[in-house]
C-alpha atoms as a PDB file:
ATOM      1  CA  UNK A   1      45.747  68.321 212.211  1.00  0.00           C
ATOM      2  CA  UNK A   2      45.090  64.762 213.819  1.00  0.00           C
ATOM      3  CA  UNK A   3      41.992  64.342 211.462  1.00  0.00           C
ATOM      4  CA  UNK A   4      44.501  65.058 208.630  1.00  0.00           C
ATOM      5  CA  UNK A   5      46.795  62.347 209.684  1.00  0.00           C
ATOM      6  CA  UNK A   6      43.840  59.753 210.374  1.00  0.00           C
ATOM      7  CA  UNK A   7      42.854  60.462 206.557  1.00  0.00           C
ATOM      8  CA  UNK A   8      46.378  60.069 205.117  1.00  0.00           C
ATOM      9  CA  UNK A   9      46.485  56.818 207.226  1.00  0.00           C
ATOM     10  CA  UNK A  10      43.193  55.341 205.842  1.00  0.00           C
ATOM     11  CA  UNK A  11      44.793  56.546 202.114  1.00  0.00           C
ATOM     12  CA  UNK A  12      47.416  54.326 203.155  1.00  0.00           C
ATOM     13  CA  UNK A  13      45.789  51.566 204.059  1.00  0.00           C
ATOM     14  CA  UNK A  14      43.433  51.609 201.083  1.00  0.00           C
ATOM     15  CA  UNK A  15      46.833  52.120 198.784  1.00  0.00           C
ATOM     16  CA  UNK A  16      48.237  48.992 200.534  1.00  0.00           C
ATOM     17  CA  UNK A  17      44.567  47.040 199.661  1.00  0.00           C
ATOM     18  CA  UNK A  18      45.016  48.016 195.988  1.00  0.00           C
ATOM     19  CA  UNK A  19      48.739  46.647 196.044  1.00  0.00           C
ATOM     20  CA  UNK A  20      47.307  43.100 197.468  1.00  0.00           C
ATOM     21  CA  UNK A  21      44.923  43.197 194.573  1.00  0.00           C
ATOM     22  CA  UNK A  22      47.101  43.482 192.074  1.00  0.00           C
ATOM     23  CA  UNK A  23      49.547  40.820 193.743  1.00  0.00           C
ATOM     24  CA  UNK A  24      46.222  38.459 193.808  1.00  0.00           C
ATOM     25  CA  UNK A  25      46.044  39.239 189.893  1.00  0.00           C
ATOM     26  CA  UNK A  26      49.418  38.800 189.095  1.00  0.00           C
ATOM     27  CA  UNK A  27      49.692  35.327 191.181  1.00  0.00           C
ATOM     28  CA  UNK A  28      52.402  33.063 191.686  1.00  0.00           C
ATOM     29  CA  UNK A  29      55.576  33.633 194.093  1.00  0.00           C
ATOM     30  CA  UNK A  30      55.648  37.230 192.999  1.00  0.00           C
ATOM     31  CA  UNK A  31      52.214  37.837 193.328  1.00  0.00           C
ATOM     32  CA  UNK A  32      52.142  35.838 196.954  1.00  0.00           C
ATOM     33  CA  UNK A  33      55.213  38.186 198.338  1.00  0.00           C
ATOM     34  CA  UNK A  34      53.090  41.135 197.171  1.00  0.00           C
ATOM     35  CA  UNK A  35      50.056  40.191 198.902  1.00  0.00           C
ATOM     36  CA  UNK A  36      51.814  39.262 201.896  1.00  0.00           C
ATOM     37  CA  UNK A  37      53.332  42.379 202.329  1.00  0.00           C
ATOM     38  CA  UNK A  38      50.603  44.473 201.540  1.00  0.00           C
ATOM     39  CA  UNK A  39      48.466  42.572 204.274  1.00  0.00           C
ATOM     40  CA  UNK A  40      51.317  43.319 206.669  1.00  0.00           C
ATOM     41  CA  UNK A  41      51.228  46.975 205.671  1.00  0.00           C
ATOM     42  CA  UNK A  42      47.312  46.951 206.138  1.00  0.00           C
ATOM     43  CA  UNK A  43      47.463  45.711 209.592  1.00  0.00           C
ATOM     44  CA  UNK A  44      50.391  47.522 210.854  1.00  0.00           C
ATOM     45  CA  UNK A  45      48.787  50.572 209.874  1.00  0.00           C
ATOM     46  CA  UNK A  46      45.335  49.626 211.045  1.00  0.00           C
ATOM     47  CA  UNK A  47      46.682  49.148 214.540  1.00  0.00           C
ATOM     48  CA  UNK A  48      48.461  52.245 214.455  1.00  0.00           C
ATOM     49  CA  UNK A  49      45.143  54.106 213.474  1.00  0.00           C
ATOM     50  CA  UNK A  50      43.644  52.677 216.318  1.00  0.00           C
ATOM     51  CA  UNK A  51      45.945  53.465 218.980  1.00  0.00           C
ATOM     52  CA  UNK A  52      46.300  57.109 217.310  1.00  0.00           C
ATOM     53  CA  UNK A  53      42.358  57.422 217.867  1.00  0.00           C
ATOM     54  CA  UNK A  54      42.882  56.390 221.275  1.00  0.00           C
ATOM     55  CA  UNK A  55      45.734  58.520 222.234  1.00  0.00           C
ATOM     56  CA  UNK A  56      43.996  61.315 220.227  1.00  0.00           C
ATOM     57  CA  UNK A  57      40.943  61.001 222.272  1.00  0.00           C
ATOM     58  CA  UNK A  58      43.017  60.780 225.575  1.00  0.00           C
ATOM     59  CA  UNK A  59      44.621  64.020 225.193  1.00  0.00           C
ATOM     60  CA  UNK A  60      41.582  65.916 223.767  1.00  0.00           C
ATOM     61  CA  UNK A  61      42.871  66.049 220.209  1.00  0.00           C
ATOM     62  CA  UNK A  62      39.619  64.488 219.160  1.00  0.00           C
ATOM     63  CA  UNK A  63      36.334  65.002 220.769  1.00  0.00           C
ATOM     64  CA  UNK A  64      33.716  62.623 220.881  1.00  0.00           C
ATOM     65  CA  UNK A  65      30.354  62.908 219.357  1.00  0.00           C
ATOM     66  CA  UNK A  66      28.359  63.567 222.478  1.00  0.00           C
ATOM     67  CA  UNK A  67      24.724  63.617 220.988  1.00  0.00           C
ATOM     68  CA  UNK A  68      23.258  61.183 223.731  1.00  0.00           C
ATOM     69  CA  UNK A  69      25.858  62.311 226.385  1.00  0.00           C
ATOM     70  CA  UNK A  70      24.332  66.011 226.334  1.00  0.00           C
ATOM     71  CA  UNK A  71      20.834  64.857 226.137  1.00  0.00           C
ATOM     72  CA  UNK A  72      18.645  66.038 228.943  1.00  0.00           C
ATOM     73  CA  UNK A  73      17.385  63.166 231.272  1.00  0.00           C
ATOM     74  CA  UNK A  74      13.836  63.144 231.814  1.00  0.00           C
ATOM     75  CA  UNK A  75      11.530  61.142 233.716  1.00  0.00           C
ATOM     76  CA  UNK A  76       9.163  58.635 232.537  1.00  0.00           C
ATOM     77  CA  UNK A  77       5.765  60.120 233.287  1.00  0.00           C
ATOM     78  CA  UNK A  78       4.095  58.559 236.300  1.00  0.00           C
ATOM     79  CA  UNK A  79       0.298  56.777 236.048  1.00  0.00           C
ATOM     80  CA  UNK A  80      -1.692  57.735 238.634  1.00  0.00           C
ATOM     81  CA  UNK A  81      -4.235  54.794 239.701  1.00  0.00           C
ATOM     82  CA  UNK A  82      -7.662  56.209 240.737  1.00  0.00           C
ATOM     83  CA  UNK A  83      -8.350  56.020 244.723  1.00  0.00           C
ATOM     84  CA  UNK A  84     -11.453  53.613 244.990  1.00  0.00           C
ATOM     85  CA  UNK A  85     -13.911  55.028 247.579  1.00  0.00           C
END
């Protein structure tokens, strides 16, 4: 469920990016207002997404990729020096 919400927020961020592009192409006062609203929307959604991912990780709803965490710890091979007689 959390992954679906994350994907939907990312899609909403991309849609806001598209609206900003339309505002940039239009230009003028109306385009500037559209770009500003799009920027505010993108920043707000991005901050919300970041906080949601942090909270979901804290609550255990999502799990980090533990490839390196579960890797066995090995000792480096020791080099034996020959004993001089």
